[in-house]
Protein backbone atom coordinates (compact mmCIF):
# COMPACT_ATOMS: atom_id res chain seq x y z
CA MET A 1 0.23 -0.38 0.29
CA ARG A 2 2.72 2.40 1.10
CA HIS A 3 4.28 2.07 -2.18
CA ARG A 4 1.26 2.71 -4.25
CA ALA A 5 1.39 6.25 -2.56
CA ILE A 6 4.46 6.75 -2.88
CA VAL A 7 5.18 6.40 -6.72
CA PRO A 8 2.12 9.63 -7.58
CA ALA A 9 4.05 11.83 -4.97
CA TYR A 10 7.56 10.89 -6.86
CA LEU A 11 5.69 11.95 -9.95
CA LEU A 12 4.20 15.36 -8.81
CA ALA A 13 7.71 15.95 -7.20
CA ALA A 14 9.54 15.18 -10.25
CA ALA A 15 7.01 17.21 -12.69
CA VAL A 16 7.74 19.67 -10.05
CA ALA A 17 11.19 20.07 -10.02
CA ALA A 18 11.35 19.89 -13.89
CA GLY A 19 9.31 23.33 -13.67
CA CYS A 20 11.76 26.12 -15.99
CA GLY A 21 13.44 25.10 -18.72
CA SER A 22 11.65 21.97 -19.70
CA GLY A 23 8.84 23.62 -21.76
CA ALA A 24 6.96 24.94 -18.75
CA THR A 25 5.86 27.92 -18.64
CA THR A 26 5.10 28.54 -14.86
CA ASN A 27 6.90 31.82 -13.35
CA CYS A 28 7.85 32.35 -16.94
CA LYS A 29 8.49 35.11 -18.76
CA ALA A 30 6.91 33.74 -22.49
CA PRO A 31 9.64 33.66 -24.68
CA PRO A 32 12.79 34.00 -22.82
CA ASP A 33 14.44 37.48 -23.78
CA ARG A 34 17.39 37.04 -26.48
CA ALA A 35 19.65 38.46 -24.31
CA LEU A 36 19.26 35.28 -21.79
CA LEU A 37 20.04 32.60 -24.73
CA LEU A 38 23.10 34.45 -26.07
CA ALA A 39 24.42 34.66 -22.22
CA VAL A 40 23.91 31.18 -21.63
CA ARG A 41 25.27 30.53 -24.96
CA GLU A 42 28.54 32.60 -24.40
CA HIS A 43 28.73 30.68 -21.17
CA ALA A 44 28.80 27.16 -23.04
CA ASP A 45 31.92 28.06 -25.19
CA GLU A 46 33.66 28.47 -22.09
CA ILE A 47 32.82 24.84 -21.59
CA GLN A 48 35.20 22.03 -23.18
CA LEU A 49 32.90 20.50 -25.90
CA PRO A 50 34.58 17.77 -28.69
CA ASP A 51 35.62 18.96 -32.03
CA GLY A 52 36.73 17.72 -35.31
CA PRO A 53 36.28 16.36 -38.45
CA ASP A 54 34.45 12.97 -36.63
CA LYS A 55 33.00 14.46 -33.49
CA GLY A 56 29.60 13.23 -35.22
CA ASN A 57 27.03 13.99 -32.58
CA ALA A 58 29.38 14.35 -29.54
CA GLY A 59 29.33 17.96 -27.75
CA ARG A 60 25.57 18.17 -28.99
CA LEU A 61 24.04 20.69 -27.10
CA THR A 62 20.66 21.80 -25.80
CA ILE A 63 19.46 25.35 -23.69
CA SER A 64 16.72 26.12 -22.13
CA ALA A 65 15.72 29.01 -20.32
CA CYS A 66 13.26 30.68 -17.92
CA GLN A 67 12.77 33.76 -17.50
CA THR A 68 11.44 34.87 -13.88
CA SER A 69 11.67 38.79 -14.04
CA ASP A 70 12.94 41.07 -16.02
CA ALA A 71 16.36 40.50 -14.05
CA GLU A 72 16.61 36.97 -13.08
CA ALA A 73 16.43 33.87 -14.82
CA THR A 74 17.54 30.06 -14.60
CA ALA A 75 18.30 27.75 -17.70
CA THR A 76 19.41 24.66 -18.29
CA MET A 77 22.34 23.38 -20.53
CA THR A 78 23.66 19.91 -21.39
CA VAL A 79 25.97 18.34 -23.20
CA PHE A 80 25.97 14.98 -24.87
CA GLY A 81 28.32 12.29 -26.06
CA LEU A 82 31.00 14.15 -24.17
CA ARG A 83 34.38 11.33 -25.21
CA ASP A 84 35.38 10.72 -22.03
CA ASP A 85 36.13 7.58 -20.74
CA SER A 86 34.00 8.02 -17.64
CA THR A 87 31.74 10.32 -18.09
CA ARG A 88 28.93 10.70 -21.06
CA ASP A 89 26.59 13.54 -20.39
CA ILE A 90 26.76 16.95 -18.36
CA ARG A 91 24.19 19.08 -16.99
CA HIS A 92 24.66 22.77 -16.07
CA GLY A 93 22.25 24.56 -14.03
CA MET A 94 22.25 27.96 -14.41
CA LYS A 95 21.12 31.31 -12.24
CA LEU A 96 21.58 34.78 -14.47
CA GLN A 97 21.11 38.02 -13.51
CA VAL A 98 21.11 41.53 -15.15
CA LYS A 99 24.04 43.18 -13.72
CA ASN A 100 24.94 46.53 -15.77
CA GLY A 101 22.57 46.11 -18.39
CA LYS A 102 23.71 42.70 -18.90
CA TRP A 103 22.40 39.41 -18.68
CA VAL A 104 25.52 37.54 -16.58
CA VAL A 105 25.80 33.64 -15.19
CA THR A 106 25.89 34.28 -11.55
CA GLY A 107 25.46 29.78 -10.52
CA ASP A 108 26.36 26.54 -12.13
CA ALA A 109 25.63 23.88 -11.20
CA HIS A 110 26.63 20.89 -12.73
CA THR A 111 26.05 17.06 -12.84
CA ARG A 112 26.96 14.03 -14.90
CA ARG A 113 25.85 10.97 -16.08
CA CYS A 114 28.57 7.98 -16.19
CA GLN A 115 29.57 6.54 -19.26
CA PRO A 116 27.56 2.45 -18.89
CA GLY A 117 29.96 0.33 -15.95
CA ARG A 118 31.43 4.11 -14.86
CA GLY A 119 28.51 4.99 -12.48
CA SER A 120 24.92 6.72 -12.24
CA GLN A 121 23.21 6.33 -15.06
CA GLU A 122 21.09 9.50 -14.18
CA PHE A 123 22.39 12.64 -13.53
CA SER A 124 24.17 13.34 -10.54
CA SER A 125 27.09 15.43 -8.91
CA ALA A 126 28.92 12.07 -7.81
CA LYS A 127 31.73 11.93 -9.97
CA CYS A 128 32.38 8.54 -12.45
CA ARG A 129 34.83 6.15 -11.97
């Protein structure tokens, strides 16, 4: 019986946690400010991505943003297919604020998903082996 109550509670918590950046518009300004998206993309340039002629789909990234006010926002950027022995994908959860008229990243908490057999297959803050 207890298991039946836990599953709906877990699903509700997951839906709430997904909120901003997942396409949900709760508390988000729609659409996000173009300058905000450019600031997130610029931050991506600071992150080492696989390159070269044979990179294929390695280093593909997705960005979603939630502008909660004229001066604050959150964004999620996920980099897929890292060419690393232990880490498969990495996700950056960013906080942004307008400072001196420009969007800047004020926080970046990242999690990783490990290669099979090297650690968590879900995004986690735990290091891969």
